[in-house]
């Protein structure tokens, strides 16, 4: 099994909840959703805020970039992650 290093940057409320603005993770060569789930294992409170509970998807609550490109322009949450990739998770502000 191949282990890769990725950097995850958290912006705004996600940074506040996680306690740090960025983290380096060692992960199995995998899909983007699995990397995001790994960071929420470190901070379960982050998962509560990040993931939509009905959809089990972070995209209603966040814009996610992989190496500067919005993931919906790539393969969405199934986008493969490679060694050295940078993931940025930006909160979407909901108004009412």
C-alpha atoms as a PDB file:
ATOM      1  CA  UNK A   1       0.000   0.000   0.000  1.00  0.00           C
ATOM      2  CA  UNK A   2       1.370   3.407  -1.027  1.00  0.00           C
ATOM      3  CA  UNK A   3       1.426   6.124   1.642  1.00  0.00           C
ATOM      4  CA  UNK A   4       1.392   9.736   0.466  1.00  0.00           C
ATOM      5  CA  UNK A   5       1.726  13.146   2.124  1.00  0.00           C
ATOM      6  CA  UNK A   6      -0.972  15.766   1.544  1.00  0.00           C
ATOM      7  CA  UNK A   7      -1.519  19.203   3.019  1.00  0.00           C
ATOM      8  CA  UNK A   8      -5.013  20.248   4.108  1.00  0.00           C
ATOM      9  CA  UNK A   9      -5.676  23.960   4.668  1.00  0.00           C
ATOM     10  CA  UNK A  10      -8.755  24.984   6.622  1.00  0.00           C
ATOM     11  CA  UNK A  11     -10.230  28.466   6.285  1.00  0.00           C
ATOM     12  CA  UNK A  12     -12.551  30.474   8.552  1.00  0.00           C
ATOM     13  CA  UNK A  13     -14.814  28.556  10.916  1.00  0.00           C
ATOM     14  CA  UNK A  14     -13.212  25.246   9.892  1.00  0.00           C
ATOM     15  CA  UNK A  15      -9.817  26.561  11.054  1.00  0.00           C
ATOM     16  CA  UNK A  16     -11.353  27.743  14.348  1.00  0.00           C
ATOM     17  CA  UNK A  17     -12.979  24.361  15.014  1.00  0.00           C
ATOM     18  CA  UNK A  18      -9.918  22.321  14.047  1.00  0.00           C
ATOM     19  CA  UNK A  19      -7.586  24.585  16.004  1.00  0.00           C
ATOM     20  CA  UNK A  20      -5.029  24.975  13.219  1.00  0.00           C
ATOM     21  CA  UNK A  21      -5.048  26.472   9.738  1.00  0.00           C
ATOM     22  CA  UNK A  22      -3.286  23.584   8.091  1.00  0.00           C
ATOM     23  CA  UNK A  23      -2.257  20.024   8.706  1.00  0.00           C
ATOM     24  CA  UNK A  24      -0.035  17.552   6.886  1.00  0.00           C
ATOM     25  CA  UNK A  25      -1.461  14.053   6.652  1.00  0.00           C
ATOM     26  CA  UNK A  26       0.049  10.738   5.706  1.00  0.00           C
ATOM     27  CA  UNK A  27      -2.665   8.778   3.915  1.00  0.00           C
ATOM     28  CA  UNK A  28      -3.019   5.705   1.789  1.00  0.00           C
ATOM     29  CA  UNK A  29      -3.095   6.604  -1.887  1.00  0.00           C
ATOM     30  CA  UNK A  30      -6.773   7.335  -2.136  1.00  0.00           C
ATOM     31  CA  UNK A  31      -9.733   9.474  -3.136  1.00  0.00           C
ATOM     32  CA  UNK A  32     -10.341  12.988  -1.886  1.00  0.00           C
ATOM     33  CA  UNK A  33     -13.365  12.058   0.259  1.00  0.00           C
ATOM     34  CA  UNK A  34     -11.251   9.585   2.220  1.00  0.00           C
ATOM     35  CA  UNK A  35      -8.684  12.308   2.981  1.00  0.00           C
ATOM     36  CA  UNK A  36     -11.449  14.633   4.187  1.00  0.00           C
ATOM     37  CA  UNK A  37     -12.870  11.861   6.361  1.00  0.00           C
ATOM     38  CA  UNK A  38      -9.402  11.292   7.830  1.00  0.00           C
ATOM     39  CA  UNK A  39      -9.148  14.907   8.968  1.00  0.00           C
ATOM     40  CA  UNK A  40     -12.618  14.669  10.527  1.00  0.00           C
ATOM     41  CA  UNK A  41     -11.457  11.622  12.503  1.00  0.00           C
ATOM     42  CA  UNK A  42      -8.916  13.944  14.123  1.00  0.00           C
ATOM     43  CA  UNK A  43     -11.690  16.474  14.862  1.00  0.00           C
ATOM     44  CA  UNK A  44     -15.185  14.949  15.094  1.00  0.00           C
ATOM     45  CA  UNK A  45     -16.644  18.431  15.698  1.00  0.00           C
ATOM     46  CA  UNK A  46     -15.318  19.438  12.276  1.00  0.00           C
ATOM     47  CA  UNK A  47     -17.310  16.615  10.683  1.00  0.00           C
ATOM     48  CA  UNK A  48     -20.501  17.895  12.331  1.00  0.00           C
ATOM     49  CA  UNK A  49     -20.000  21.338  10.804  1.00  0.00           C
ATOM     50  CA  UNK A  50     -18.456  20.297   7.488  1.00  0.00           C
ATOM     51  CA  UNK A  51     -20.621  17.373   6.335  1.00  0.00           C
ATOM     52  CA  UNK A  52     -24.284  17.676   5.382  1.00  0.00           C
ATOM     53  CA  UNK A  53     -25.811  14.859   7.480  1.00  0.00           C
ATOM     54  CA  UNK A  54     -28.509  13.915   4.952  1.00  0.00           C
ATOM     55  CA  UNK A  55     -26.174  13.801   1.971  1.00  0.00           C
ATOM     56  CA  UNK A  56     -23.008  12.672   3.826  1.00  0.00           C
ATOM     57  CA  UNK A  57     -21.248  15.260   1.667  1.00  0.00           C
ATOM     58  CA  UNK A  58     -19.210  18.347   2.591  1.00  0.00           C
ATOM     59  CA  UNK A  59     -19.951  20.257  -0.614  1.00  0.00           C
ATOM     60  CA  UNK A  60     -23.165  21.990   0.519  1.00  0.00           C
ATOM     61  CA  UNK A  61     -21.124  23.587   3.330  1.00  0.00           C
ATOM     62  CA  UNK A  62     -17.721  24.098   1.712  1.00  0.00           C
ATOM     63  CA  UNK A  63     -15.851  24.964  -1.436  1.00  0.00           C
ATOM     64  CA  UNK A  64     -13.039  22.442  -1.774  1.00  0.00           C
ATOM     65  CA  UNK A  65      -9.981  23.057  -3.902  1.00  0.00           C
ATOM     66  CA  UNK A  66      -7.393  20.498  -4.949  1.00  0.00           C
ATOM     67  CA  UNK A  67      -4.185  22.198  -6.024  1.00  0.00           C
ATOM     68  CA  UNK A  68      -6.156  25.392  -6.695  1.00  0.00           C
ATOM     69  CA  UNK A  69      -8.937  23.798  -8.766  1.00  0.00           C
ATOM     70  CA  UNK A  70     -12.488  23.437  -7.464  1.00  0.00           C
ATOM     71  CA  UNK A  71     -13.159  19.703  -7.101  1.00  0.00           C
ATOM     72  CA  UNK A  72     -16.436  19.733  -9.031  1.00  0.00           C
ATOM     73  CA  UNK A  73     -14.349  20.614 -12.106  1.00  0.00           C
ATOM     74  CA  UNK A  74     -12.312  17.466 -11.434  1.00  0.00           C
ATOM     75  CA  UNK A  75     -13.827  14.196 -10.228  1.00  0.00           C
ATOM     76  CA  UNK A  76     -15.674  15.614  -7.214  1.00  0.00           C
ATOM     77  CA  UNK A  77     -15.098  13.666  -4.010  1.00  0.00           C
ATOM     78  CA  UNK A  78     -13.823  10.724  -6.073  1.00  0.00           C
ATOM     79  CA  UNK A  79     -10.861  12.739  -7.362  1.00  0.00           C
ATOM     80  CA  UNK A  80      -7.607  10.823  -6.806  1.00  0.00           C
ATOM     81  CA  UNK A  81      -5.152  12.460  -4.418  1.00  0.00           C
ATOM     82  CA  UNK A  82      -1.421  12.251  -5.099  1.00  0.00           C
ATOM     83  CA  UNK A  83       1.700  12.787  -3.022  1.00  0.00           C
ATOM     84  CA  UNK A  84       2.296  16.493  -2.384  1.00  0.00           C
ATOM     85  CA  UNK A  85      -1.262  17.606  -3.201  1.00  0.00           C
ATOM     86  CA  UNK A  86      -2.819  20.524  -1.346  1.00  0.00           C
ATOM     87  CA  UNK A  87      -6.490  20.526  -0.362  1.00  0.00           C
ATOM     88  CA  UNK A  88      -8.128  23.781   0.729  1.00  0.00           C
ATOM     89  CA  UNK A  89     -11.509  23.706   2.480  1.00  0.00           C
ATOM     90  CA  UNK A  90     -13.392  27.028   2.517  1.00  0.00           C
ATOM     91  CA  UNK A  91     -16.712  27.489   4.339  1.00  0.00           C
ATOM     92  CA  UNK A  92     -19.776  28.558   2.384  1.00  0.00           C
ATOM     93  CA  UNK A  93     -21.749  31.229   4.201  1.00  0.00           C
ATOM     94  CA  UNK A  94     -25.470  30.446   4.369  1.00  0.00           C
ATOM     95  CA  UNK A  95     -27.927  33.285   4.814  1.00  0.00           C
ATOM     96  CA  UNK A  96     -31.527  33.119   5.843  1.00  0.00           C
END
